[in-house]
PDB file of N, CA and C in Angstrom:
ATOM      1  N   UNK A   1     -82.756 -26.337 -69.432  1.00  0.00           N
ATOM      2  CA  UNK A   1     -81.684 -25.499 -68.721  1.00  0.00           C
ATOM      3  C   UNK A   1     -80.467 -26.388 -68.403  1.00  0.00           C
ATOM      4  N   UNK A   2     -79.187 -25.951 -68.467  1.00  0.00           N
ATOM      5  CA  UNK A   2     -78.119 -26.694 -68.177  1.00  0.00           C
ATOM      6  C   UNK A   2     -77.534 -26.299 -66.751  1.00  0.00           C
ATOM      7  N   UNK A   3     -77.068 -27.306 -65.951  1.00  0.00           N
ATOM      8  CA  UNK A   3     -76.454 -26.924 -64.750  1.00  0.00           C
ATOM      9  C   UNK A   3     -75.020 -27.194 -64.832  1.00  0.00           C
ATOM     10  N   UNK A   4     -74.160 -26.178 -64.281  1.00  0.00           N
ATOM     11  CA  UNK A   4     -72.711 -26.235 -64.422  1.00  0.00           C
ATOM     12  C   UNK A   4     -72.126 -26.189 -63.088  1.00  0.00           C
ATOM     13  N   UNK A   5     -70.984 -26.947 -62.997  1.00  0.00           N
ATOM     14  CA  UNK A   5     -70.246 -26.843 -61.879  1.00  0.00           C
ATOM     15  C   UNK A   5     -68.756 -26.783 -61.973  1.00  0.00           C
ATOM     16  N   UNK A   6     -68.135 -25.860 -61.456  1.00  0.00           N
ATOM     17  CA  UNK A   6     -66.757 -25.676 -61.660  1.00  0.00           C
ATOM     18  C   UNK A   6     -65.853 -26.285 -60.668  1.00  0.00           C
ATOM     19  N   UNK A   7     -64.639 -26.626 -61.070  1.00  0.00           N
ATOM     20  CA  UNK A   7     -63.643 -27.307 -60.160  1.00  0.00           C
ATOM     21  C   UNK A   7     -62.265 -27.051 -60.725  1.00  0.00           C
ATOM     22  N   UNK A   8     -61.265 -27.353 -59.925  1.00  0.00           N
ATOM     23  CA  UNK A   8     -59.876 -27.437 -60.237  1.00  0.00           C
ATOM     24  C   UNK A   8     -59.090 -26.190 -59.873  1.00  0.00           C
ATOM     25  N   UNK A   9     -59.757 -25.281 -59.303  1.00  0.00           N
ATOM     26  CA  UNK A   9     -59.022 -24.115 -58.774  1.00  0.00           C
ATOM     27  C   UNK A   9     -58.019 -24.488 -57.619  1.00  0.00           C
ATOM     28  N   UNK A  10     -57.244 -23.385 -57.411  1.00  0.00           N
ATOM     29  CA  UNK A  10     -56.262 -23.711 -56.147  1.00  0.00           C
ATOM     30  C   UNK A  10     -55.245 -22.597 -56.277  1.00  0.00           C
ATOM     31  N   UNK A  11     -54.112 -22.926 -55.545  1.00  0.00           N
ATOM     32  CA  UNK A  11     -52.992 -21.997 -55.373  1.00  0.00           C
ATOM     33  C   UNK A  11     -51.920 -22.305 -56.359  1.00  0.00           C
ATOM     34  N   UNK A  12     -51.339 -21.387 -57.159  1.00  0.00           N
ATOM     35  CA  UNK A  12     -50.374 -21.785 -58.083  1.00  0.00           C
ATOM     36  C   UNK A  12     -49.288 -20.519 -58.024  1.00  0.00           C
ATOM     37  N   UNK A  13     -48.091 -20.889 -58.245  1.00  0.00           N
ATOM     38  CA  UNK A  13     -47.173 -19.858 -58.316  1.00  0.00           C
ATOM     39  C   UNK A  13     -47.158 -19.178 -59.664  1.00  0.00           C
ATOM     40  N   UNK A  14     -46.796 -17.804 -59.702  1.00  0.00           N
ATOM     41  CA  UNK A  14     -46.747 -17.078 -60.970  1.00  0.00           C
ATOM     42  C   UNK A  14     -45.845 -17.998 -61.915  1.00  0.00           C
ATOM     43  N   UNK A  15     -46.358 -18.092 -63.126  1.00  0.00           N
ATOM     44  CA  UNK A  15     -45.706 -18.809 -64.113  1.00  0.00           C
ATOM     45  C   UNK A  15     -46.058 -20.303 -64.285  1.00  0.00           C
ATOM     46  N   UNK A  16     -46.799 -20.759 -63.234  1.00  0.00           N
ATOM     47  CA  UNK A  16     -47.314 -22.197 -63.271  1.00  0.00           C
ATOM     48  C   UNK A  16     -48.500 -22.313 -64.023  1.00  0.00           C
ATOM     49  N   UNK A  17     -49.029 -23.628 -63.889  1.00  0.00           N
ATOM     50  CA  UNK A  17     -50.225 -23.951 -64.717  1.00  0.00           C
ATOM     51  C   UNK A  17     -51.313 -24.560 -63.922  1.00  0.00           C
ATOM     52  N   UNK A  18     -52.521 -24.469 -64.416  1.00  0.00           N
ATOM     53  CA  UNK A  18     -53.673 -25.033 -63.648  1.00  0.00           C
ATOM     54  C   UNK A  18     -54.765 -25.270 -64.710  1.00  0.00           C
ATOM     55  N   UNK A  19     -55.465 -26.384 -64.553  1.00  0.00           N
ATOM     56  CA  UNK A  19     -56.672 -26.707 -65.480  1.00  0.00           C
ATOM     57  C   UNK A  19     -57.877 -26.629 -64.690  1.00  0.00           C
ATOM     58  N   UNK A  20     -58.750 -25.836 -65.129  1.00  0.00           N
ATOM     59  CA  UNK A  20     -60.085 -25.829 -64.564  1.00  0.00           C
ATOM     60  C   UNK A  20     -60.988 -26.743 -65.426  1.00  0.00           C
ATOM     61  N   UNK A  21     -62.011 -27.228 -64.642  1.00  0.00           N
ATOM     62  CA  UNK A  21     -63.073 -28.070 -65.330  1.00  0.00           C
ATOM     63  C   UNK A  21     -64.460 -27.474 -65.019  1.00  0.00           C
ATOM     64  N   UNK A  22     -65.368 -27.691 -65.869  1.00  0.00           N
ATOM     65  CA  UNK A  22     -66.720 -27.284 -65.679  1.00  0.00           C
ATOM     66  C   UNK A  22     -67.640 -28.561 -66.246  1.00  0.00           C
ATOM     67  N   UNK A  23     -68.214 -29.149 -65.292  1.00  0.00           N
ATOM     68  CA  UNK A  23     -69.023 -30.246 -65.578  1.00  0.00           C
ATOM     69  C   UNK A  23     -70.480 -29.794 -65.728  1.00  0.00           C
ATOM     70  N   UNK A  24     -71.165 -30.343 -66.785  1.00  0.00           N
ATOM     71  CA  UNK A  24     -72.531 -29.821 -67.200  1.00  0.00           C
ATOM     72  C   UNK A  24     -73.476 -31.018 -67.112  1.00  0.00           C
ATOM     73  N   UNK A  25     -74.741 -30.617 -66.656  1.00  0.00           N
ATOM     74  CA  UNK A  25     -75.673 -31.687 -66.811  1.00  0.00           C
ATOM     75  C   UNK A  25     -76.741 -31.280 -67.932  1.00  0.00           C
ATOM     76  N   UNK A  26     -77.271 -32.146 -68.518  1.00  0.00           N
ATOM     77  CA  UNK A  26     -78.260 -31.756 -69.621  1.00  0.00           C
ATOM     78  C   UNK A  26     -77.941 -32.437 -70.871  1.00  0.00           C
ATOM     79  N   UNK A  27     -78.910 -32.838 -71.548  1.00  0.00           N
ATOM     80  CA  UNK A  27     -78.887 -33.721 -72.654  1.00  0.00           C
ATOM     81  C   UNK A  27     -78.427 -33.042 -74.046  1.00  0.00           C
ATOM     82  N   UNK A  28     -78.282 -31.717 -74.057  1.00  0.00           N
ATOM     83  CA  UNK A  28     -77.990 -30.923 -75.177  1.00  0.00           C
ATOM     84  C   UNK A  28     -76.717 -30.146 -74.969  1.00  0.00           C
ATOM     85  N   UNK A  29     -75.669 -30.696 -74.290  1.00  0.00           N
ATOM     86  CA  UNK A  29     -74.402 -29.899 -73.862  1.00  0.00           C
ATOM     87  C   UNK A  29     -73.684 -29.598 -75.251  1.00  0.00           C
ATOM     88  N   UNK A  30     -73.808 -30.476 -76.293  1.00  0.00           N
ATOM     89  CA  UNK A  30     -73.008 -30.133 -77.446  1.00  0.00           C
ATOM     90  C   UNK A  30     -73.499 -29.013 -78.192  1.00  0.00           C
ATOM     91  N   UNK A  31     -74.721 -28.597 -77.955  1.00  0.00           N
ATOM     92  CA  UNK A  31     -75.418 -27.561 -78.698  1.00  0.00           C
ATOM     93  C   UNK A  31     -75.084 -26.119 -78.174  1.00  0.00           C
ATOM     94  N   UNK A  32     -74.417 -26.104 -76.905  1.00  0.00           N
ATOM     95  CA  UNK A  32     -74.246 -24.893 -76.291  1.00  0.00           C
ATOM     96  C   UNK A  32     -72.875 -24.181 -76.756  1.00  0.00           C
ATOM     97  N   UNK A  33     -72.952 -22.874 -76.763  1.00  0.00           N
ATOM     98  CA  UNK A  33     -71.576 -22.196 -76.718  1.00  0.00           C
ATOM     99  C   UNK A  33     -71.340 -22.033 -75.268  1.00  0.00           C
ATOM    100  N   UNK A  34     -70.057 -22.284 -75.002  1.00  0.00           N
ATOM    101  CA  UNK A  34     -69.736 -22.207 -73.463  1.00  0.00           C
ATOM    102  C   UNK A  34     -68.525 -21.230 -73.184  1.00  0.00           C
ATOM    103  N   UNK A  35     -68.642 -20.696 -72.067  1.00  0.00           N
ATOM    104  CA  UNK A  35     -67.605 -19.558 -71.777  1.00  0.00           C
ATOM    105  C   UNK A  35     -67.038 -19.669 -70.317  1.00  0.00           C
ATOM    106  N   UNK A  36     -65.988 -19.154 -70.135  1.00  0.00           N
ATOM    107  CA  UNK A  36     -65.280 -18.937 -68.812  1.00  0.00           C
ATOM    108  C   UNK A  36     -65.209 -17.492 -68.541  1.00  0.00           C
ATOM    109  N   UNK A  37     -65.505 -17.058 -67.300  1.00  0.00           N
ATOM    110  CA  UNK A  37     -65.592 -15.739 -66.848  1.00  0.00           C
ATOM    111  C   UNK A  37     -64.771 -15.791 -65.505  1.00  0.00           C
ATOM    112  N   UNK A  38     -64.367 -14.556 -65.017  1.00  0.00           N
ATOM    113  CA  UNK A  38     -63.766 -14.526 -63.771  1.00  0.00           C
ATOM    114  C   UNK A  38     -64.129 -13.238 -62.999  1.00  0.00           C
ATOM    115  N   UNK A  39     -63.941 -13.216 -61.735  1.00  0.00           N
ATOM    116  CA  UNK A  39     -64.295 -11.946 -60.965  1.00  0.00           C
ATOM    117  C   UNK A  39     -63.182 -11.892 -59.912  1.00  0.00           C
ATOM    118  N   UNK A  40     -62.466 -10.891 -59.992  1.00  0.00           N
ATOM    119  CA  UNK A  40     -61.383 -10.565 -59.058  1.00  0.00           C
ATOM    120  C   UNK A  40     -61.888  -9.912 -57.856  1.00  0.00           C
ATOM    121  N   UNK A  41     -61.351  -9.746 -56.688  1.00  0.00           N
ATOM    122  CA  UNK A  41     -61.873  -9.082 -55.541  1.00  0.00           C
ATOM    123  C   UNK A  41     -62.081  -7.511 -55.916  1.00  0.00           C
ATOM    124  N   UNK A  42     -63.200  -7.025 -55.573  1.00  0.00           N
ATOM    125  CA  UNK A  42     -63.443  -5.603 -55.891  1.00  0.00           C
ATOM    126  C   UNK A  42     -63.673  -5.259 -57.383  1.00  0.00           C
ATOM    127  N   UNK A  43     -63.719  -6.275 -58.273  1.00  0.00           N
ATOM    128  CA  UNK A  43     -63.975  -5.928 -59.599  1.00  0.00           C
ATOM    129  C   UNK A  43     -65.172  -6.614 -60.125  1.00  0.00           C
ATOM    130  N   UNK A  44     -65.685  -6.148 -61.358  1.00  0.00           N
ATOM    131  CA  UNK A  44     -66.838  -6.857 -61.884  1.00  0.00           C
ATOM    132  C   UNK A  44     -66.367  -8.144 -62.605  1.00  0.00           C
ATOM    133  N   UNK A  45     -67.361  -8.997 -62.762  1.00  0.00           N
ATOM    134  CA  UNK A  45     -67.074 -10.263 -63.539  1.00  0.00           C
ATOM    135  C   UNK A  45     -66.685  -9.911 -64.916  1.00  0.00           C
ATOM    136  N   UNK A  46     -65.676 -10.552 -65.486  1.00  0.00           N
ATOM    137  CA  UNK A  46     -65.404 -10.296 -66.816  1.00  0.00           C
ATOM    138  C   UNK A  46     -65.173 -11.657 -67.606  1.00  0.00           C
ATOM    139  N   UNK A  47     -65.386 -11.366 -68.923  1.00  0.00           N
ATOM    140  CA  UNK A  47     -65.317 -12.573 -69.856  1.00  0.00           C
ATOM    141  C   UNK A  47     -63.881 -12.958 -70.048  1.00  0.00           C
ATOM    142  N   UNK A  48     -63.625 -14.299 -70.135  1.00  0.00           N
ATOM    143  CA  UNK A  48     -62.300 -14.830 -70.406  1.00  0.00           C
ATOM    144  C   UNK A  48     -62.049 -15.491 -71.647  1.00  0.00           C
ATOM    145  N   UNK A  49     -63.029 -16.452 -71.925  1.00  0.00           N
ATOM    146  CA  UNK A  49     -62.873 -17.271 -73.157  1.00  0.00           C
ATOM    147  C   UNK A  49     -64.250 -18.039 -73.486  1.00  0.00           C
ATOM    148  N   UNK A  50     -64.373 -18.257 -74.764  1.00  0.00           N
ATOM    149  CA  UNK A  50     -65.505 -19.044 -75.145  1.00  0.00           C
ATOM    150  C   UNK A  50     -65.074 -20.018 -76.189  1.00  0.00           C
ATOM    151  N   UNK A  51     -66.016 -21.030 -76.318  1.00  0.00           N
ATOM    152  CA  UNK A  51     -65.758 -22.002 -77.303  1.00  0.00           C
ATOM    153  C   UNK A  51     -67.099 -22.351 -77.831  1.00  0.00           C
ATOM    154  N   UNK A  52     -67.110 -22.405 -79.283  1.00  0.00           N
ATOM    155  CA  UNK A  52     -68.443 -22.576 -79.778  1.00  0.00           C
ATOM    156  C   UNK A  52     -68.743 -24.005 -80.197  1.00  0.00           C
ATOM    157  N   UNK A  53     -69.805 -24.247 -80.760  1.00  0.00           N
ATOM    158  CA  UNK A  53     -70.212 -25.705 -81.085  1.00  0.00           C
ATOM    159  C   UNK A  53     -69.213 -26.425 -81.974  1.00  0.00           C
ATOM    160  N   UNK A  54     -68.495 -25.661 -82.828  1.00  0.00           N
ATOM    161  CA  UNK A  54     -67.519 -26.303 -83.768  1.00  0.00           C
ATOM    162  C   UNK A  54     -66.165 -26.385 -83.056  1.00  0.00           C
ATOM    163  N   UNK A  55     -65.928 -25.791 -81.870  1.00  0.00           N
ATOM    164  CA  UNK A  55     -64.685 -25.933 -81.255  1.00  0.00           C
ATOM    165  C   UNK A  55     -63.856 -24.748 -81.552  1.00  0.00           C
ATOM    166  N   UNK A  56     -64.367 -23.625 -82.294  1.00  0.00           N
ATOM    167  CA  UNK A  56     -63.587 -22.441 -82.289  1.00  0.00           C
ATOM    168  C   UNK A  56     -63.613 -21.715 -81.017  1.00  0.00           C
ATOM    169  N   UNK A  57     -62.607 -21.041 -80.751  1.00  0.00           N
ATOM    170  CA  UNK A  57     -62.316 -20.333 -79.440  1.00  0.00           C
ATOM    171  C   UNK A  57     -62.032 -18.740 -79.609  1.00  0.00           C
ATOM    172  N   UNK A  58     -62.452 -18.075 -78.565  1.00  0.00           N
ATOM    173  CA  UNK A  58     -62.158 -16.596 -78.527  1.00  0.00           C
ATOM    174  C   UNK A  58     -61.739 -16.385 -77.087  1.00  0.00           C
ATOM    175  N   UNK A  59     -60.792 -15.378 -77.068  1.00  0.00           N
ATOM    176  CA  UNK A  59     -60.137 -15.014 -75.727  1.00  0.00           C
ATOM    177  C   UNK A  59     -59.994 -13.535 -75.502  1.00  0.00           C
ATOM    178  N   UNK A  60     -60.214 -13.130 -74.279  1.00  0.00           N
ATOM    179  CA  UNK A  60     -59.929 -11.769 -73.983  1.00  0.00           C
ATOM    180  C   UNK A  60     -58.398 -11.584 -74.175  1.00  0.00           C
ATOM    181  N   UNK A  61     -57.924 -10.415 -74.551  1.00  0.00           N
ATOM    182  CA  UNK A  61     -56.610 -10.119 -74.873  1.00  0.00           C
ATOM    183  C   UNK A  61     -55.645 -10.524 -73.731  1.00  0.00           C
ATOM    184  N   UNK A  62     -55.955 -10.233 -72.541  1.00  0.00           N
ATOM    185  CA  UNK A  62     -55.084 -10.501 -71.484  1.00  0.00           C
ATOM    186  C   UNK A  62     -54.617 -11.880 -71.173  1.00  0.00           C
ATOM    187  N   UNK A  63     -55.475 -12.904 -71.738  1.00  0.00           N
ATOM    188  CA  UNK A  63     -55.067 -14.310 -71.630  1.00  0.00           C
ATOM    189  C   UNK A  63     -54.634 -14.997 -72.870  1.00  0.00           C
ATOM    190  N   UNK A  64     -54.706 -14.261 -73.962  1.00  0.00           N
ATOM    191  CA  UNK A  64     -54.311 -14.848 -75.273  1.00  0.00           C
ATOM    192  C   UNK A  64     -52.883 -15.443 -75.316  1.00  0.00           C
ATOM    193  N   UNK A  65     -52.705 -16.622 -75.777  1.00  0.00           N
ATOM    194  CA  UNK A  65     -51.401 -17.278 -75.798  1.00  0.00           C
ATOM    195  C   UNK A  65     -51.073 -17.936 -74.539  1.00  0.00           C
ATOM    196  N   UNK A  66     -51.879 -17.710 -73.434  1.00  0.00           N
ATOM    197  CA  UNK A  66     -51.531 -18.324 -72.117  1.00  0.00           C
ATOM    198  C   UNK A  66     -52.654 -19.364 -71.742  1.00  0.00           C
ATOM    199  N   UNK A  67     -53.879 -19.050 -72.020  1.00  0.00           N
ATOM    200  CA  UNK A  67     -55.020 -19.920 -71.626  1.00  0.00           C
ATOM    201  C   UNK A  67     -55.596 -20.547 -72.923  1.00  0.00           C
ATOM    202  N   UNK A  68     -56.099 -21.762 -72.639  1.00  0.00           N
ATOM    203  CA  UNK A  68     -56.706 -22.613 -73.761  1.00  0.00           C
ATOM    204  C   UNK A  68     -58.104 -23.206 -73.309  1.00  0.00           C
ATOM    205  N   UNK A  69     -59.093 -22.940 -73.935  1.00  0.00           N
ATOM    206  CA  UNK A  69     -60.403 -23.385 -73.598  1.00  0.00           C
ATOM    207  C   UNK A  69     -60.709 -24.625 -74.518  1.00  0.00           C
ATOM    208  N   UNK A  70     -61.195 -25.762 -73.926  1.00  0.00           N
ATOM    209  CA  UNK A  70     -61.475 -26.900 -74.774  1.00  0.00           C
ATOM    210  C   UNK A  70     -62.787 -27.493 -74.194  1.00  0.00           C
ATOM    211  N   UNK A  71     -63.336 -28.407 -74.922  1.00  0.00           N
ATOM    212  CA  UNK A  71     -64.572 -29.045 -74.458  1.00  0.00           C
ATOM    213  C   UNK A  71     -64.576 -30.535 -74.877  1.00  0.00           C
ATOM    214  N   UNK A  72     -65.224 -31.378 -74.113  1.00  0.00           N
ATOM    215  CA  UNK A  72     -65.193 -32.722 -74.375  1.00  0.00           C
ATOM    216  C   UNK A  72     -66.794 -33.128 -74.247  1.00  0.00           C
ATOM    217  N   UNK A  73     -67.457 -33.054 -75.476  1.00  0.00           N
ATOM    218  CA  UNK A  73     -68.866 -33.337 -75.531  1.00  0.00           C
ATOM    219  C   UNK A  73     -69.278 -34.674 -74.947  1.00  0.00           C
ATOM    220  N   UNK A  74     -68.360 -35.714 -75.128  1.00  0.00           N
ATOM    221  CA  UNK A  74     -68.788 -36.960 -74.522  1.00  0.00           C
ATOM    222  C   UNK A  74     -68.784 -37.022 -73.152  1.00  0.00           C
ATOM    223  N   UNK A  75     -68.023 -36.067 -72.373  1.00  0.00           N
ATOM    224  CA  UNK A  75     -68.020 -36.057 -70.894  1.00  0.00           C
ATOM    225  C   UNK A  75     -68.740 -34.755 -70.472  1.00  0.00           C
ATOM    226  N   UNK A  76     -69.431 -34.076 -71.268  1.00  0.00           N
ATOM    227  CA  UNK A  76     -70.200 -32.880 -71.020  1.00  0.00           C
ATOM    228  C   UNK A  76     -69.347 -31.972 -70.141  1.00  0.00           C
ATOM    229  N   UNK A  77     -68.097 -31.722 -70.560  1.00  0.00           N
ATOM    230  CA  UNK A  77     -67.260 -30.885 -69.784  1.00  0.00           C
ATOM    231  C   UNK A  77     -66.503 -29.929 -70.525  1.00  0.00           C
ATOM    232  N   UNK A  78     -66.206 -28.723 -70.096  1.00  0.00           N
ATOM    233  CA  UNK A  78     -65.501 -27.749 -70.729  1.00  0.00           C
ATOM    234  C   UNK A  78     -64.365 -27.380 -69.761  1.00  0.00           C
ATOM    235  N   UNK A  79     -63.105 -27.221 -70.356  1.00  0.00           N
ATOM    236  CA  UNK A  79     -61.962 -27.010 -69.615  1.00  0.00           C
ATOM    237  C   UNK A  79     -61.346 -25.558 -69.917  1.00  0.00           C
ATOM    238  N   UNK A  80     -60.473 -25.224 -68.952  1.00  0.00           N
ATOM    239  CA  UNK A  80     -59.690 -23.921 -69.173  1.00  0.00           C
ATOM    240  C   UNK A  80     -58.333 -24.368 -68.707  1.00  0.00           C
ATOM    241  N   UNK A  81     -57.477 -24.448 -69.602  1.00  0.00           N
ATOM    242  CA  UNK A  81     -56.052 -24.615 -69.300  1.00  0.00           C
ATOM    243  C   UNK A  81     -55.284 -23.410 -69.157  1.00  0.00           C
ATOM    244  N   UNK A  82     -54.753 -23.152 -67.950  1.00  0.00           N
ATOM    245  CA  UNK A  82     -54.120 -21.902 -67.658  1.00  0.00           C
ATOM    246  C   UNK A  82     -52.696 -22.038 -67.432  1.00  0.00           C
ATOM    247  N   UNK A  83     -51.882 -21.473 -68.473  1.00  0.00           N
ATOM    248  CA  UNK A  83     -50.388 -21.559 -68.429  1.00  0.00           C
ATOM    249  C   UNK A  83     -49.806 -20.281 -68.207  1.00  0.00           C
ATOM    250  N   UNK A  84     -48.611 -20.206 -67.839  1.00  0.00           N
ATOM    251  CA  UNK A  84     -47.875 -18.904 -67.533  1.00  0.00           C
ATOM    252  C   UNK A  84     -48.664 -18.029 -66.771  1.00  0.00           C
ATOM    253  N   UNK A  85     -49.252 -18.454 -65.676  1.00  0.00           N
ATOM    254  CA  UNK A  85     -50.157 -17.585 -64.842  1.00  0.00           C
ATOM    255  C   UNK A  85     -49.477 -16.368 -64.286  1.00  0.00           C
ATOM    256  N   UNK A  86     -50.162 -15.245 -64.160  1.00  0.00           N
ATOM    257  CA  UNK A  86     -49.776 -13.962 -63.582  1.00  0.00           C
ATOM    258  C   UNK A  86     -50.605 -13.779 -62.339  1.00  0.00           C
ATOM    259  N   UNK A  87     -49.973 -12.841 -61.518  1.00  0.00           N
ATOM    260  CA  UNK A  87     -50.704 -12.408 -60.267  1.00  0.00           C
ATOM    261  C   UNK A  87     -52.157 -11.941 -60.567  1.00  0.00           C
ATOM    262  N   UNK A  88     -52.240 -11.238 -61.718  1.00  0.00           N
ATOM    263  CA  UNK A  88     -53.541 -10.606 -61.968  1.00  0.00           C
ATOM    264  C   UNK A  88     -54.552 -11.627 -62.492  1.00  0.00           C
ATOM    265  N   UNK A  89     -54.209 -12.916 -62.703  1.00  0.00           N
ATOM    266  CA  UNK A  89     -55.157 -13.939 -62.905  1.00  0.00           C
ATOM    267  C   UNK A  89     -55.905 -14.463 -61.665  1.00  0.00           C
ATOM    268  N   UNK A  90     -55.553 -14.037 -60.505  1.00  0.00           N
ATOM    269  CA  UNK A  90     -56.161 -14.399 -59.350  1.00  0.00           C
ATOM    270  C   UNK A  90     -57.624 -13.855 -59.289  1.00  0.00           C
ATOM    271  N   UNK A  91     -58.621 -14.838 -59.151  1.00  0.00           N
ATOM    272  CA  UNK A  91     -59.950 -14.502 -59.285  1.00  0.00           C
ATOM    273  C   UNK A  91     -60.751 -15.684 -58.991  1.00  0.00           C
ATOM    274  N   UNK A  92     -62.027 -15.583 -58.895  1.00  0.00           N
ATOM    275  CA  UNK A  92     -63.050 -16.752 -58.944  1.00  0.00           C
ATOM    276  C   UNK A  92     -63.449 -16.964 -60.292  1.00  0.00           C
ATOM    277  N   UNK A  93     -63.288 -18.203 -60.789  1.00  0.00           N
ATOM    278  CA  UNK A  93     -63.636 -18.466 -62.189  1.00  0.00           C
ATOM    279  C   UNK A  93     -64.903 -19.206 -62.230  1.00  0.00           C
ATOM    280  N   UNK A  94     -65.735 -18.756 -63.215  1.00  0.00           N
ATOM    281  CA  UNK A  94     -66.940 -19.341 -63.512  1.00  0.00           C
ATOM    282  C   UNK A  94     -67.137 -19.723 -64.941  1.00  0.00           C
ATOM    283  N   UNK A  95     -67.957 -20.769 -65.162  1.00  0.00           N
ATOM    284  CA  UNK A  95     -68.375 -21.158 -66.428  1.00  0.00           C
ATOM    285  C   UNK A  95     -69.821 -20.873 -66.534  1.00  0.00           C
ATOM    286  N   UNK A  96     -70.209 -20.642 -67.908  1.00  0.00           N
ATOM    287  CA  UNK A  96     -71.682 -20.395 -68.036  1.00  0.00           C
ATOM    288  C   UNK A  96     -71.747 -20.633 -69.594  1.00  0.00           C
ATOM    289  N   UNK A  97     -73.081 -20.707 -70.141  1.00  0.00           N
ATOM    290  CA  UNK A  97     -73.281 -20.839 -71.481  1.00  0.00           C
ATOM    291  C   UNK A  97     -73.330 -19.353 -72.017  1.00  0.00           C
ATOM    292  N   UNK A  98     -73.229 -19.271 -73.329  1.00  0.00           N
ATOM    293  CA  UNK A  98     -73.190 -17.957 -73.996  1.00  0.00           C
ATOM    294  C   UNK A  98     -74.427 -17.784 -74.747  1.00  0.00           C
ATOM    295  N   UNK A  99     -75.250 -16.783 -74.683  1.00  0.00           N
ATOM    296  CA  UNK A  99     -75.191 -15.787 -73.666  1.00  0.00           C
ATOM    297  C   UNK A  99     -75.468 -16.364 -72.296  1.00  0.00           C
ATOM    298  N   UNK A 100     -74.838 -15.704 -71.290  1.00  0.00           N
ATOM    299  CA  UNK A 100     -74.923 -16.434 -69.889  1.00  0.00           C
ATOM    300  C   UNK A 100     -76.353 -16.460 -69.314  1.00  0.00           C
ATOM    301  N   UNK A 101     -76.630 -17.540 -68.585  1.00  0.00           N
ATOM    302  CA  UNK A 101     -77.790 -17.642 -67.846  1.00  0.00           C
ATOM    303  C   UNK A 101     -77.807 -16.645 -66.701  1.00  0.00           C
ATOM    304  N   UNK A 102     -78.987 -16.340 -66.120  1.00  0.00           N
ATOM    305  CA  UNK A 102     -78.881 -15.405 -65.052  1.00  0.00           C
ATOM    306  C   UNK A 102     -78.338 -16.043 -63.787  1.00  0.00           C
ATOM    307  N   UNK A 103     -78.461 -17.340 -63.631  1.00  0.00           N
ATOM    308  CA  UNK A 103     -77.890 -17.910 -62.397  1.00  0.00           C
ATOM    309  C   UNK A 103     -76.495 -18.429 -62.782  1.00  0.00           C
ATOM    310  N   UNK A 104     -75.629 -18.213 -61.668  1.00  0.00           N
ATOM    311  CA  UNK A 104     -74.216 -18.598 -61.762  1.00  0.00           C
ATOM    312  C   UNK A 104     -73.911 -19.563 -60.675  1.00  0.00           C
ATOM    313  N   UNK A 105     -72.871 -20.398 -60.886  1.00  0.00           N
ATOM    314  CA  UNK A 105     -72.475 -21.354 -59.966  1.00  0.00           C
ATOM    315  C   UNK A 105     -71.585 -20.721 -58.904  1.00  0.00           C
ATOM    316  N   UNK A 106     -70.975 -21.537 -58.095  1.00  0.00           N
ATOM    317  CA  UNK A 106     -70.242 -21.103 -56.979  1.00  0.00           C
ATOM    318  C   UNK A 106     -68.848 -20.688 -57.448  1.00  0.00           C
ATOM    319  N   UNK A 107     -68.433 -21.122 -58.620  1.00  0.00           N
ATOM    320  CA  UNK A 107     -67.182 -20.845 -59.143  1.00  0.00           C
ATOM    321  C   UNK A 107     -66.089 -21.622 -58.504  1.00  0.00           C
ATOM    322  N   UNK A 108     -64.840 -21.449 -58.965  1.00  0.00           N
ATOM    323  CA  UNK A 108     -63.642 -22.010 -58.440  1.00  0.00           C
ATOM    324  C   UNK A 108     -62.577 -21.026 -58.257  1.00  0.00           C
ATOM    325  N   UNK A 109     -61.887 -20.958 -57.125  1.00  0.00           N
ATOM    326  CA  UNK A 109     -61.023 -19.905 -56.761  1.00  0.00           C
ATOM    327  C   UNK A 109     -59.647 -20.253 -57.280  1.00  0.00           C
ATOM    328  N   UNK A 110     -59.109 -19.283 -57.984  1.00  0.00           N
ATOM    329  CA  UNK A 110     -57.670 -19.394 -58.541  1.00  0.00           C
ATOM    330  C   UNK A 110     -56.884 -18.317 -57.936  1.00  0.00           C
ATOM    331  N   UNK A 111     -55.844 -18.664 -57.081  1.00  0.00           N
ATOM    332  CA  UNK A 111     -54.965 -17.672 -56.536  1.00  0.00           C
ATOM    333  C   UNK A 111     -53.452 -17.894 -57.068  1.00  0.00           C
ATOM    334  N   UNK A 112     -52.928 -16.841 -57.688  1.00  0.00           N
ATOM    335  CA  UNK A 112     -51.651 -16.888 -58.173  1.00  0.00           C
ATOM    336  C   UNK A 112     -50.712 -16.089 -57.263  1.00  0.00           C
ATOM    337  N   UNK A 113     -49.710 -16.777 -56.780  1.00  0.00           N
ATOM    338  CA  UNK A 113     -48.827 -16.111 -55.835  1.00  0.00           C
ATOM    339  C   UNK A 113     -47.474 -15.923 -56.414  1.00  0.00           C
ATOM    340  N   UNK A 114     -46.838 -14.828 -55.826  1.00  0.00           N
ATOM    341  CA  UNK A 114     -45.485 -14.604 -56.320  1.00  0.00           C
ATOM    342  C   UNK A 114     -44.295 -15.367 -55.752  1.00  0.00           C
TER     343      UNK A 114
END
């Protein structure tokens, strides 16, 4: 099983950028499909983006063209570059393998202000 820890969240003005990181432990990091998810207050957790073993990526429509997921297998880390942020991107962001494990990390809070 892999352990994942998110970081990089914070306060950003609408239109600004932020990069989230997710550090993984485990010797088979490169074999996992990895994803970012988010949960806004009062809402269910939703899928944001994933990256497969070859580096191919998929995004929810609401972030296409603004967010970029990437991975560095040498550092056992997956990233989420958030550009042109919107108020509705405010949420706690989590990473997980795909399909997701039952356990989730603490996530990292992203707050977009006007």
